Amino acid sequence: MGRGEGSAESGAPGEPGEPGLTARERILAAAEVLFAEHRFDRTSTARIAAAAGVPHGLIFYHFKTKMDLLLAVVQRDRVTTLGELDLPPSDLPPSEGTDPRRAVAELWRHLTVVLGRPSPVHRIVLQELAVHEEIRRRAMESTDAAAAVIAGRLARIFGRDDPTPEQVAAAQLLTFAASMAPLLDQPDHTLVDPDALAALLARGLSPPTPESPPS
């Protein structure tokens, strides 16, 4: 029946609390939960179809292989995460450009919320990194994309249009540190004081002060 295949494609209700999801969205939601709980290789597409409430064949209408389904789950989370990281200019902290330490502390707190929260996809990626090369590649792409957004924010904090190599390196470190919080059971990053971190980065990333000419 193609894309009009019954109500499954027209947006029939999915699980309770998620009315109006399309069949594809229900498949992605079910796969995310099951892959996180039971791992990719131990989750059959038949089980995903049953959880999503769709015919088994509809999974392969939307996704050529089970790996394509897994990659779609990871990509959907990446798009959401990058959207949350890249706040519009109107939402930037008012201290940016005037108080670098406060702005960096605010940035770190924001990263702990966006990158540091435990999530099913985060768990999936960590579980499958050592097994599937494509997941490793996608994870690095996501990390690089997040670090690029953060480097741009650091550049604006310190009054630049483009990030310096030092700001890129700092962004990469912040990305890795925030992303590893769920592994340490520290989603609120209580082990890292935002103000101390901001003071450290502000000293290292601020433009050098011109030397006074000899008197």
N, C-alpha and C. Protein backbone atom coordinates (compact mmCIF):
# COMPACT_ATOMS: atom_id res chain seq x y z
N MET A 1 0.81 -1.21 0.00
CA MET A 1 0.00 0.00 0.00
C MET A 1 0.85 1.26 0.00
N GLY A 2 2.20 1.10 0.03
CA GLY A 2 3.06 2.27 -0.05
C GLY A 2 2.92 3.13 1.19
N ARG A 3 3.10 4.45 1.02
CA ARG A 3 3.10 5.35 2.15
C ARG A 3 1.72 5.51 2.76
N GLY A 4 0.68 5.08 2.09
CA GLY A 4 -0.63 5.18 2.68
C GLY A 4 -1.04 3.90 3.37
N GLU A 5 -0.10 3.06 3.78
CA GLU A 5 -0.36 1.74 4.32
C GLU A 5 -1.12 1.84 5.64
N GLY A 6 -2.44 1.88 5.52
CA GLY A 6 -3.30 1.91 6.68
C GLY A 6 -3.03 3.09 7.57
N SER A 7 -3.47 3.00 8.80
CA SER A 7 -3.28 4.09 9.73
C SER A 7 -1.86 4.13 10.28
N ALA A 8 -1.08 3.07 10.06
CA ALA A 8 0.28 3.05 10.61
C ALA A 8 1.12 4.17 10.07
N GLU A 9 0.87 4.59 8.83
CA GLU A 9 1.68 5.65 8.25
C GLU A 9 1.01 7.01 8.37
N SER A 10 -0.26 7.04 8.67
CA SER A 10 -0.96 8.33 8.68
C SER A 10 -0.90 9.01 10.03
N GLY A 11 -0.21 8.40 11.01
CA GLY A 11 -0.04 9.07 12.28
C GLY A 11 -0.95 8.53 13.36
N ALA A 12 -1.24 7.22 13.32
CA ALA A 12 -2.05 6.63 14.38
C ALA A 12 -1.33 6.75 15.70
N PRO A 13 -2.07 6.82 16.82
CA PRO A 13 -1.43 6.99 18.12
C PRO A 13 -0.44 5.88 18.40
N GLY A 14 0.65 6.22 19.06
CA GLY A 14 1.66 5.24 19.44
C GLY A 14 1.45 4.83 20.87
N GLU A 15 2.51 4.86 21.66
CA GLU A 15 2.41 4.48 23.05
C GLU A 15 1.62 5.53 23.82
N PRO A 16 1.05 5.18 24.98
CA PRO A 16 0.34 6.17 25.78
C PRO A 16 1.24 7.37 26.07
N GLY A 17 0.67 8.57 25.94
CA GLY A 17 1.45 9.78 26.16
C GLY A 17 2.15 10.28 24.91
N GLU A 18 2.08 9.53 23.81
CA GLU A 18 2.74 9.95 22.57
C GLU A 18 1.74 9.90 21.41
N PRO A 19 0.63 10.61 21.51
CA PRO A 19 -0.36 10.55 20.43
C PRO A 19 0.15 11.25 19.18
N GLY A 20 -0.32 10.75 18.03
CA GLY A 20 -0.05 11.44 16.78
C GLY A 20 1.28 11.13 16.14
N LEU A 21 2.07 10.21 16.70
CA LEU A 21 3.35 9.89 16.08
C LEU A 21 3.11 9.08 14.81
N THR A 22 3.92 9.34 13.79
CA THR A 22 3.85 8.53 12.59
C THR A 22 4.46 7.17 12.86
N ALA A 23 4.26 6.24 11.92
CA ALA A 23 4.84 4.91 12.08
C ALA A 23 6.36 4.99 12.19
N ARG A 24 6.98 5.82 11.36
CA ARG A 24 8.44 5.93 11.41
C ARG A 24 8.90 6.43 12.77
N GLU A 25 8.20 7.41 13.31
CA GLU A 25 8.57 7.95 14.61
C GLU A 25 8.39 6.91 15.71
N ARG A 26 7.33 6.11 15.61
CA ARG A 26 7.10 5.07 16.60
C ARG A 26 8.17 3.99 16.52
N ILE A 27 8.59 3.67 15.31
CA ILE A 27 9.67 2.69 15.14
C ILE A 27 10.96 3.20 15.77
N LEU A 28 11.29 4.47 15.51
CA LEU A 28 12.51 5.05 16.08
C LEU A 28 12.44 5.08 17.60
N ALA A 29 11.30 5.45 18.14
CA ALA A 29 11.15 5.53 19.60
C ALA A 29 11.28 4.15 20.23
N ALA A 30 10.65 3.15 19.62
CA ALA A 30 10.73 1.79 20.15
C ALA A 30 12.16 1.25 20.05
N ALA A 31 12.81 1.49 18.92
CA ALA A 31 14.18 1.01 18.73
C ALA A 31 15.13 1.66 19.74
N GLU A 32 14.95 2.93 20.00
CA GLU A 32 15.80 3.62 20.97
C GLU A 32 15.72 2.96 22.35
N VAL A 33 14.52 2.68 22.79
CA VAL A 33 14.34 2.06 24.11
C VAL A 33 14.92 0.64 24.13
N LEU A 34 14.60 -0.16 23.11
CA LEU A 34 15.02 -1.55 23.11
C LEU A 34 16.52 -1.71 22.89
N PHE A 35 17.10 -0.91 22.00
CA PHE A 35 18.55 -0.98 21.80
C PHE A 35 19.28 -0.62 23.09
N ALA A 36 18.77 0.38 23.82
CA ALA A 36 19.42 0.79 25.07
C ALA A 36 19.31 -0.29 26.13
N GLU A 37 18.15 -0.95 26.20
CA GLU A 37 17.92 -1.93 27.25
C GLU A 37 18.57 -3.29 26.95
N HIS A 38 18.53 -3.70 25.67
CA HIS A 38 18.94 -5.06 25.34
C HIS A 38 20.12 -5.16 24.38
N ARG A 39 20.65 -4.01 23.95
CA ARG A 39 21.75 -3.92 22.99
C ARG A 39 21.26 -4.22 21.58
N PHE A 40 22.01 -3.70 20.64
CA PHE A 40 21.63 -3.77 19.23
C PHE A 40 21.53 -5.21 18.73
N ASP A 41 22.59 -6.00 18.95
CA ASP A 41 22.64 -7.35 18.38
C ASP A 41 21.63 -8.30 19.00
N ARG A 42 21.12 -7.97 20.18
CA ARG A 42 20.17 -8.85 20.86
C ARG A 42 18.72 -8.39 20.69
N THR A 43 18.51 -7.38 19.89
CA THR A 43 17.16 -6.86 19.67
C THR A 43 16.73 -7.18 18.24
N SER A 44 15.68 -7.95 18.09
CA SER A 44 15.20 -8.29 16.75
C SER A 44 14.29 -7.21 16.22
N THR A 45 14.23 -7.11 14.89
CA THR A 45 13.31 -6.13 14.29
C THR A 45 11.86 -6.52 14.55
N ALA A 46 11.59 -7.81 14.73
CA ALA A 46 10.23 -8.23 15.06
C ALA A 46 9.82 -7.67 16.42
N ARG A 47 10.75 -7.66 17.35
CA ARG A 47 10.45 -7.12 18.68
C ARG A 47 10.22 -5.61 18.60
N ILE A 48 11.01 -4.94 17.78
CA ILE A 48 10.82 -3.50 17.62
C ILE A 48 9.45 -3.20 17.00
N ALA A 49 9.09 -3.96 15.98
CA ALA A 49 7.79 -3.76 15.33
C ALA A 49 6.66 -3.96 16.32
N ALA A 50 6.77 -4.99 17.16
CA ALA A 50 5.72 -5.25 18.15
C ALA A 50 5.62 -4.10 19.14
N ALA A 51 6.76 -3.60 19.59
CA ALA A 51 6.75 -2.49 20.55
C ALA A 51 6.21 -1.21 19.92
N ALA A 52 6.48 -1.03 18.62
CA ALA A 52 6.01 0.18 17.93
C ALA A 52 4.56 0.06 17.48
N GLY A 53 4.04 -1.17 17.47
CA GLY A 53 2.67 -1.38 17.03
C GLY A 53 2.50 -1.23 15.53
N VAL A 54 3.49 -1.70 14.76
CA VAL A 54 3.44 -1.60 13.30
C VAL A 54 3.72 -2.98 12.71
N PRO A 55 3.32 -3.23 11.46
CA PRO A 55 3.69 -4.48 10.80
C PRO A 55 5.21 -4.60 10.67
N HIS A 56 5.71 -5.81 10.79
CA HIS A 56 7.15 -6.02 10.74
C HIS A 56 7.76 -5.47 9.45
N GLY A 57 7.10 -5.70 8.32
CA GLY A 57 7.64 -5.26 7.05
C GLY A 57 7.77 -3.75 6.93
N LEU A 58 7.03 -3.01 7.75
CA LEU A 58 7.08 -1.55 7.66
C LEU A 58 8.43 -1.00 8.11
N ILE A 59 9.12 -1.75 8.98
CA ILE A 59 10.46 -1.31 9.39
C ILE A 59 11.37 -1.22 8.18
N PHE A 60 11.29 -2.23 7.30
CA PHE A 60 12.19 -2.24 6.15
C PHE A 60 11.66 -1.39 5.00
N TYR A 61 10.45 -0.87 5.14
CA TYR A 61 9.98 0.15 4.21
C TYR A 61 10.69 1.47 4.50
N HIS A 62 10.89 1.73 5.78
CA HIS A 62 11.54 2.99 6.19
C HIS A 62 13.05 2.87 6.30
N PHE A 63 13.57 1.70 6.65
CA PHE A 63 15.00 1.52 6.89
C PHE A 63 15.46 0.24 6.18
N LYS A 64 16.48 0.36 5.33
CA LYS A 64 16.89 -0.78 4.52
C LYS A 64 17.40 -1.94 5.39
N THR A 65 18.10 -1.62 6.47
CA THR A 65 18.66 -2.65 7.34
C THR A 65 18.46 -2.23 8.80
N LYS A 66 18.71 -3.17 9.70
CA LYS A 66 18.62 -2.84 11.12
C LYS A 66 19.69 -1.82 11.50
N MET A 67 20.87 -1.90 10.87
CA MET A 67 21.92 -0.92 11.13
C MET A 67 21.48 0.48 10.70
N ASP A 68 20.79 0.56 9.58
CA ASP A 68 20.27 1.87 9.15
C ASP A 68 19.30 2.43 10.19
N LEU A 69 18.52 1.55 10.80
CA LEU A 69 17.62 1.99 11.86
C LEU A 69 18.41 2.51 13.06
N LEU A 70 19.45 1.79 13.45
CA LEU A 70 20.29 2.25 14.56
C LEU A 70 20.92 3.60 14.26
N LEU A 71 21.44 3.77 13.06
CA LEU A 71 22.07 5.04 12.69
C LEU A 71 21.05 6.17 12.68
N ALA A 72 19.82 5.87 12.29
CA ALA A 72 18.77 6.90 12.30
C ALA A 72 18.44 7.32 13.73
N VAL A 73 18.44 6.37 14.65
CA VAL A 73 18.21 6.69 16.06
C VAL A 73 19.31 7.63 16.57
N VAL A 74 20.56 7.30 16.25
CA VAL A 74 21.69 8.12 16.70
C VAL A 74 21.65 9.49 16.05
N GLN A 75 21.33 9.55 14.75
CA GLN A 75 21.31 10.82 14.03
C GLN A 75 20.21 11.73 14.56
N ARG A 76 19.07 11.16 14.90
CA ARG A 76 17.97 11.99 15.43
C ARG A 76 18.38 12.66 16.72
N ASP A 77 19.09 11.94 17.57
CA ASP A 77 19.56 12.51 18.83
C ASP A 77 20.61 13.58 18.56
N ARG A 78 21.48 13.35 17.56
CA ARG A 78 22.52 14.33 17.24
C ARG A 78 21.90 15.64 16.79
N VAL A 79 20.89 15.59 15.95
CA VAL A 79 20.24 16.81 15.47
C VAL A 79 19.63 17.58 16.63
N THR A 80 18.98 16.86 17.54
CA THR A 80 18.37 17.51 18.70
C THR A 80 19.43 18.16 19.58
N THR A 81 20.53 17.43 19.82
CA THR A 81 21.58 17.95 20.70
C THR A 81 22.23 19.19 20.11
N LEU A 82 22.55 19.16 18.82
CA LEU A 82 23.18 20.33 18.21
C LEU A 82 22.24 21.52 18.22
N GLY A 83 20.95 21.28 18.04
CA GLY A 83 19.99 22.37 18.10
C GLY A 83 19.93 23.01 19.47
N GLU A 84 20.08 22.20 20.51
CA GLU A 84 20.07 22.74 21.87
C GLU A 84 21.37 23.44 22.21
N LEU A 85 22.47 23.00 21.62
CA LEU A 85 23.76 23.64 21.89
C LEU A 85 23.85 25.01 21.25
N ASP A 86 23.35 25.13 20.03
CA ASP A 86 23.53 26.35 19.24
C ASP A 86 22.39 27.32 19.51
N LEU A 87 22.42 27.96 20.67
CA LEU A 87 21.39 28.92 21.01
C LEU A 87 21.46 30.13 20.09
N PRO A 88 20.31 30.72 19.73
CA PRO A 88 20.34 31.93 18.90
C PRO A 88 20.98 33.08 19.65
N PRO A 89 21.49 34.08 18.93
CA PRO A 89 22.18 35.20 19.59
C PRO A 89 21.36 35.86 20.69
N SER A 90 20.05 35.93 20.52
CA SER A 90 19.22 36.59 21.51
C SER A 90 19.21 35.85 22.84
N ASP A 91 19.59 34.57 22.82
CA ASP A 91 19.58 33.77 24.05
C ASP A 91 20.96 33.65 24.69
N LEU A 92 21.95 34.31 24.11
CA LEU A 92 23.28 34.23 24.69
C LEU A 92 23.31 34.94 26.03
N PRO A 93 24.14 34.48 26.95
CA PRO A 93 24.23 35.16 28.24
C PRO A 93 24.60 36.63 28.05
N PRO A 94 23.96 37.54 28.77
CA PRO A 94 24.26 38.96 28.60
C PRO A 94 25.69 39.33 28.97
N SER A 95 26.36 38.43 29.70
CA SER A 95 27.73 38.73 30.12
C SER A 95 28.74 38.51 29.02
N GLU A 96 28.37 37.85 27.92
CA GLU A 96 29.34 37.58 26.88
C GLU A 96 29.90 38.89 26.31
N GLY A 97 31.19 38.93 26.17
CA GLY A 97 31.85 40.11 25.65
C GLY A 97 32.22 41.09 26.73
N THR A 98 31.64 40.98 27.93
CA THR A 98 31.95 41.90 29.01
C THR A 98 32.53 41.19 30.23
N ASP A 99 32.15 39.96 30.46
CA ASP A 99 32.62 39.21 31.61
C ASP A 99 32.92 37.77 31.19
N PRO A 100 34.09 37.51 30.63
CA PRO A 100 34.38 36.18 30.10
C PRO A 100 34.24 35.06 31.12
N ARG A 101 34.67 35.30 32.36
CA ARG A 101 34.59 34.22 33.34
C ARG A 101 33.15 33.81 33.62
N ARG A 102 32.29 34.80 33.77
CA ARG A 102 30.88 34.47 34.01
C ARG A 102 30.28 33.77 32.80
N ALA A 103 30.63 34.23 31.59
CA ALA A 103 30.08 33.64 30.38
C ALA A 103 30.54 32.20 30.21
N VAL A 104 31.81 31.93 30.52
CA VAL A 104 32.32 30.55 30.40
C VAL A 104 31.64 29.66 31.43
N ALA A 105 31.43 30.17 32.65
CA ALA A 105 30.75 29.38 33.67
C ALA A 105 29.32 29.05 33.23
N GLU A 106 28.64 30.03 32.64
CA GLU A 106 27.29 29.79 32.14
C GLU A 106 27.29 28.78 30.99
N LEU A 107 28.30 28.88 30.13
CA LEU A 107 28.43 27.93 29.03
C LEU A 107 28.61 26.52 29.58
N TRP A 108 29.49 26.35 30.56
CA TRP A 108 29.72 25.02 31.12
C TRP A 108 28.45 24.45 31.75
N ARG A 109 27.71 25.28 32.46
CA ARG A 109 26.46 24.81 33.06
C ARG A 109 25.49 24.35 31.97
N HIS A 110 25.47 25.08 30.86
CA HIS A 110 24.60 24.71 29.74
C HIS A 110 25.04 23.37 29.14
N LEU A 111 26.34 23.18 29.00
CA LEU A 111 26.85 21.93 28.43
C LEU A 111 26.52 20.74 29.33
N THR A 112 26.57 20.94 30.64
CA THR A 112 26.27 19.83 31.54
C THR A 112 24.82 19.38 31.39
N VAL A 113 23.94 20.31 31.02
CA VAL A 113 22.54 19.95 30.82
C VAL A 113 22.37 19.23 29.48
N VAL A 114 22.95 19.78 28.42
CA VAL A 114 22.72 19.25 27.07
C VAL A 114 23.52 17.98 26.81
N LEU A 115 24.81 18.00 27.14
CA LEU A 115 25.68 16.85 26.84
C LEU A 115 25.80 15.87 27.99
N GLY A 116 25.57 16.33 29.21
CA GLY A 116 25.83 15.50 30.37
C GLY A 116 24.66 14.71 30.89
N ARG A 117 23.48 14.95 30.34
CA ARG A 117 22.32 14.22 30.86
C ARG A 117 22.34 12.78 30.34
N PRO A 118 22.04 11.83 31.18
CA PRO A 118 21.93 10.45 30.71
C PRO A 118 20.76 10.31 29.75
N SER A 119 20.93 9.52 28.71
CA SER A 119 19.86 9.32 27.75
C SER A 119 20.00 7.93 27.13
N PRO A 120 18.91 7.37 26.61
CA PRO A 120 19.02 6.06 25.95
C PRO A 120 20.03 6.04 24.82
N VAL A 121 20.07 7.11 24.00
CA VAL A 121 21.00 7.12 22.87
C VAL A 121 22.44 7.19 23.36
N HIS A 122 22.67 7.97 24.41
CA HIS A 122 24.02 8.01 24.99
C HIS A 122 24.45 6.61 25.40
N ARG A 123 23.55 5.89 26.03
CA ARG A 123 23.85 4.53 26.47
C ARG A 123 24.10 3.61 25.27
N ILE A 124 23.29 3.76 24.23
CA ILE A 124 23.46 2.94 23.03
C ILE A 124 24.84 3.14 22.42
N VAL A 125 25.22 4.40 22.26
CA VAL A 125 26.51 4.70 21.63
C VAL A 125 27.65 4.11 22.45
N LEU A 126 27.61 4.29 23.76
CA LEU A 126 28.68 3.76 24.60
C LEU A 126 28.74 2.24 24.53
N GLN A 127 27.57 1.59 24.43
CA GLN A 127 27.54 0.13 24.35
C GLN A 127 28.07 -0.40 23.04
N GLU A 128 27.84 0.33 21.94
CA GLU A 128 28.14 -0.19 20.61
C GLU A 128 29.45 0.32 20.03
N LEU A 129 30.13 1.23 20.72
CA LEU A 129 31.37 1.81 20.19
C LEU A 129 32.40 0.75 19.86
N ALA A 130 32.57 -0.19 20.74
CA ALA A 130 33.62 -1.19 20.56
C ALA A 130 33.25 -2.27 19.56
N VAL A 131 31.98 -2.30 19.15
CA VAL A 131 31.50 -3.39 18.31
C VAL A 131 31.30 -2.97 16.86
N HIS A 132 30.81 -1.77 16.66
CA HIS A 132 30.42 -1.33 15.33
C HIS A 132 31.20 -0.09 14.91
N GLU A 133 32.01 -0.24 13.87
CA GLU A 133 32.85 0.85 13.38
C GLU A 133 32.02 2.06 12.98
N GLU A 134 30.87 1.83 12.37
CA GLU A 134 30.05 2.94 11.91
C GLU A 134 29.55 3.78 13.09
N ILE A 135 29.27 3.16 14.21
CA ILE A 135 28.86 3.90 15.39
C ILE A 135 30.02 4.73 15.93
N ARG A 136 31.22 4.16 15.92
CA ARG A 136 32.39 4.95 16.34
C ARG A 136 32.56 6.17 15.46
N ARG A 137 32.41 5.99 14.16
CA ARG A 137 32.58 7.11 13.24
C ARG A 137 31.52 8.18 13.48
N ARG A 138 30.28 7.75 13.66
CA ARG A 138 29.21 8.72 13.90
C ARG A 138 29.39 9.43 15.24
N ALA A 139 29.88 8.71 16.23
CA ALA A 139 30.11 9.34 17.54
C ALA A 139 31.17 10.42 17.43
N MET A 140 32.24 10.16 16.68
CA MET A 140 33.28 11.17 16.50
C MET A 140 32.76 12.36 15.70
N GLU A 141 31.94 12.10 14.69
CA GLU A 141 31.35 13.19 13.93
C GLU A 141 30.49 14.07 14.83
N SER A 142 29.71 13.45 15.70
CA SER A 142 28.85 14.20 16.62
C SER A 142 29.69 15.01 17.60
N THR A 143 30.77 14.40 18.10
CA THR A 143 31.65 15.11 19.03
C THR A 143 32.30 16.30 18.34
N ASP A 144 32.78 16.10 17.12
CA ASP A 144 33.41 17.20 16.37
C ASP A 144 32.42 18.32 16.09
N ALA A 145 31.18 17.96 15.74
CA ALA A 145 30.18 18.98 15.46
C ALA A 145 29.84 19.78 16.71
N ALA A 146 29.70 19.09 17.84
CA ALA A 146 29.42 19.78 19.10
C ALA A 146 30.57 20.69 19.49
N ALA A 147 31.80 20.19 19.34
CA ALA A 147 32.97 21.00 19.69
C ALA A 147 33.07 22.24 18.80
N ALA A 148 32.69 22.13 17.54
CA ALA A 148 32.72 23.29 16.65
C ALA A 148 31.75 24.36 17.10
N VAL A 149 30.56 23.93 17.54
CA VAL A 149 29.59 24.90 18.06
C VAL A 149 30.14 25.58 19.31
N ILE A 150 30.73 24.80 20.19
CA ILE A 150 31.25 25.36 21.44
C ILE A 150 32.44 26.27 21.18
N ALA A 151 33.29 25.91 20.22
CA ALA A 151 34.42 26.77 19.87
C ALA A 151 33.93 28.12 19.35
N GLY A 152 32.86 28.09 18.55
CA GLY A 152 32.29 29.35 18.08
C GLY A 152 31.78 30.20 19.21
N ARG A 153 31.18 29.55 20.21
CA ARG A 153 30.69 30.30 21.37
C ARG A 153 31.84 30.90 22.16
N LEU A 154 32.92 30.12 22.34
CA LEU A 154 34.09 30.66 23.05
C LEU A 154 34.69 31.85 22.30
N ALA A 155 34.71 31.74 20.97
CA ALA A 155 35.25 32.86 20.19
C ALA A 155 34.44 34.12 20.45
N ARG A 156 33.11 34.00 20.47
CA ARG A 156 32.26 35.18 20.71
C ARG A 156 32.45 35.72 22.12
N ILE A 157 32.63 34.81 23.08
CA ILE A 157 32.85 35.26 24.45
C ILE A 157 34.08 36.15 24.54
N PHE A 158 35.12 35.80 23.79
CA PHE A 158 36.37 36.55 23.86
C PHE A 158 36.52 37.54 22.70
N GLY A 159 35.40 37.90 22.08
CA GLY A 159 35.39 39.00 21.12
C GLY A 159 36.00 38.70 19.77
N ARG A 160 35.92 37.44 19.30
CA ARG A 160 36.48 37.08 18.01
C ARG A 160 35.38 36.55 17.10
N ASP A 161 35.61 36.69 15.79
CA ASP A 161 34.69 36.12 14.82
C ASP A 161 34.95 34.63 14.62
N ASP A 162 36.21 34.24 14.66
CA ASP A 162 36.59 32.84 14.47
C ASP A 162 37.41 32.36 15.65
N PRO A 163 37.23 31.10 16.04
CA PRO A 163 37.98 30.60 17.20
C PRO A 163 39.46 30.43 16.92
N THR A 164 40.26 30.65 17.94
CA THR A 164 41.70 30.41 17.86
C THR A 164 41.95 28.92 18.07
N PRO A 165 43.15 28.44 17.74
CA PRO A 165 43.47 27.03 18.02
C PRO A 165 43.28 26.68 19.50
N GLU A 166 43.62 27.61 20.39
CA GLU A 166 43.44 27.36 21.82
C GLU A 166 41.96 27.22 22.18
N GLN A 167 41.13 28.04 21.56
CA GLN A 167 39.69 27.94 21.82
C GLN A 167 39.09 26.66 21.26
N VAL A 168 39.59 26.21 20.12
CA VAL A 168 39.15 24.92 19.56
C VAL A 168 39.54 23.79 20.50
N ALA A 169 40.78 23.82 21.01
CA ALA A 169 41.23 22.77 21.93
C ALA A 169 40.40 22.79 23.21
N ALA A 170 40.11 23.97 23.73
CA ALA A 170 39.29 24.08 24.94
C ALA A 170 37.89 23.54 24.68
N ALA A 171 37.34 23.83 23.51
CA ALA A 171 36.00 23.33 23.17
C ALA A 171 35.97 21.82 23.10
N GLN A 172 37.03 21.23 22.54
CA GLN A 172 37.10 19.77 22.47
C GLN A 172 37.15 19.16 23.87
N LEU A 173 37.94 19.76 24.76
CA LEU A 173 38.03 19.25 26.13
C LEU A 173 36.70 19.39 26.86
N LEU A 174 36.02 20.52 26.68
CA LEU A 174 34.72 20.72 27.32
C LEU A 174 33.70 19.70 26.81
N THR A 175 33.75 19.44 25.51
CA THR A 175 32.81 18.48 24.93
C THR A 175 33.01 17.09 25.51
N PHE A 176 34.26 16.65 25.55
CA PHE A 176 34.54 15.32 26.09
C PHE A 176 34.18 15.25 27.58
N ALA A 177 34.53 16.28 28.32
CA ALA A 177 34.27 16.26 29.76
C ALA A 177 32.77 16.21 30.05
N ALA A 178 32.00 17.03 29.35
CA ALA A 178 30.56 17.04 29.58
C ALA A 178 29.91 15.74 29.15
N SER A 179 30.39 15.16 28.06
CA SER A 179 29.78 13.93 27.54
C SER A 179 30.06 12.71 28.41
N MET A 180 31.15 12.76 29.17
CA MET A 180 31.52 11.60 29.99
C MET A 180 30.83 11.58 31.34
N ALA A 181 30.10 12.62 31.70
CA ALA A 181 29.46 12.68 33.02
C ALA A 181 28.58 11.48 33.33
N PRO A 182 27.74 11.01 32.39
CA PRO A 182 26.90 9.85 32.73
C PRO A 182 27.71 8.61 33.09
N LEU A 183 28.90 8.45 32.50
CA LEU A 183 29.74 7.29 32.84
C LEU A 183 30.19 7.33 34.30
N LEU A 184 30.37 8.55 34.82
CA LEU A 184 30.85 8.71 36.19
C LEU A 184 29.70 8.91 37.17
N ASP A 185 28.47 8.80 36.64
CA ASP A 185 27.29 9.05 37.47
C ASP A 185 27.34 10.45 38.07
N GLN A 186 27.77 11.40 37.26
CA GLN A 186 27.87 12.78 37.70
C GLN A 186 27.16 13.70 36.71
N PRO A 187 25.85 13.51 36.46
CA PRO A 187 25.17 14.34 35.47
C PRO A 187 25.13 15.81 35.82
N ASP A 188 25.29 16.15 37.13
CA ASP A 188 25.29 17.56 37.50
C ASP A 188 26.71 18.11 37.62
N HIS A 189 27.73 17.29 37.33
CA HIS A 189 29.13 17.73 37.33
C HIS A 189 29.53 18.37 38.65
N THR A 190 29.13 17.75 39.76
CA THR A 190 29.49 18.31 41.05
C THR A 190 30.99 18.23 41.32
N LEU A 191 31.71 17.41 40.53
CA LEU A 191 33.16 17.32 40.72
C LEU A 191 33.90 18.48 40.06
N VAL A 192 33.23 19.24 39.22
CA VAL A 192 33.87 20.34 38.51
C VAL A 192 33.13 21.64 38.88
N ASP A 193 33.84 22.52 39.53
CA ASP A 193 33.24 23.79 39.92
C ASP A 193 33.20 24.73 38.71
N PRO A 194 32.02 25.19 38.30
CA PRO A 194 31.93 26.04 37.11
C PRO A 194 32.76 27.31 37.20
N ASP A 195 32.78 27.95 38.37
CA ASP A 195 33.51 29.21 38.50
C ASP A 195 35.02 28.99 38.44
N ALA A 196 35.49 27.89 39.06
CA ALA A 196 36.92 27.60 38.99
C ALA A 196 37.33 27.25 37.56
N LEU A 197 36.50 26.46 36.88
CA LEU A 197 36.79 26.12 35.50
C LEU A 197 36.81 27.37 34.63
N ALA A 198 35.85 28.26 34.87
CA ALA A 198 35.78 29.49 34.07
C ALA A 198 37.00 30.37 34.30
N ALA A 199 37.45 30.46 35.54
CA ALA A 199 38.64 31.27 35.82
C ALA A 199 39.86 30.71 35.11
N LEU A 200 39.99 29.38 35.12
CA LEU A 200 41.12 28.73 34.45
C LEU A 200 41.09 29.01 32.96
N LEU A 201 39.93 28.80 32.32
CA LEU A 201 39.84 29.00 30.87
C LEU A 201 39.96 30.47 30.50
N ALA A 202 39.40 31.34 31.31
CA ALA A 202 39.47 32.77 30.99
C ALA A 202 40.91 33.26 30.97
N ARG A 203 41.71 32.75 31.90
CA ARG A 203 43.12 33.16 31.91
C ARG A 203 43.85 32.63 30.69
N GLY A 204 43.52 31.40 30.29
CA GLY A 204 44.24 30.81 29.17
C GLY A 204 43.78 31.28 27.82
N LEU A 205 42.51 31.72 27.70
CA LEU A 205 41.95 32.06 26.40
C LEU A 205 41.84 33.56 26.16
N SER A 206 42.05 34.37 27.18
CA SER A 206 41.97 35.82 26.99
C SER A 206 43.12 36.31 26.12
N PRO A 207 42.89 37.33 25.30
CA PRO A 207 43.98 37.87 24.49
C PRO A 207 45.10 38.37 25.39
N PRO A 208 46.34 38.22 24.96
CA PRO A 208 47.45 38.72 25.79
C PRO A 208 47.39 40.22 25.95
N THR A 209 47.76 40.68 27.12
CA THR A 209 47.78 42.12 27.38
C THR A 209 49.02 42.72 26.76
N PRO A 210 48.86 43.78 25.96
CA PRO A 210 50.04 44.39 25.34
C PRO A 210 51.03 44.87 26.40
N GLU A 211 52.29 44.64 26.14
CA GLU A 211 53.29 45.07 27.09
C GLU A 211 53.45 46.59 27.02
N SER A 212 53.63 47.18 28.18
CA SER A 212 53.82 48.63 28.22
C SER A 212 55.21 48.95 27.68
N PRO A 213 55.32 50.02 26.91
CA PRO A 213 56.64 50.40 26.39
C PRO A 213 57.55 50.81 27.54
N PRO A 214 58.82 50.52 27.41
CA PRO A 214 59.75 50.90 28.49
C PRO A 214 59.77 52.40 28.69
N SER A 215 59.85 52.81 29.95
CA SER A 215 59.87 54.26 30.23
C SER A 215 61.25 54.83 30.05
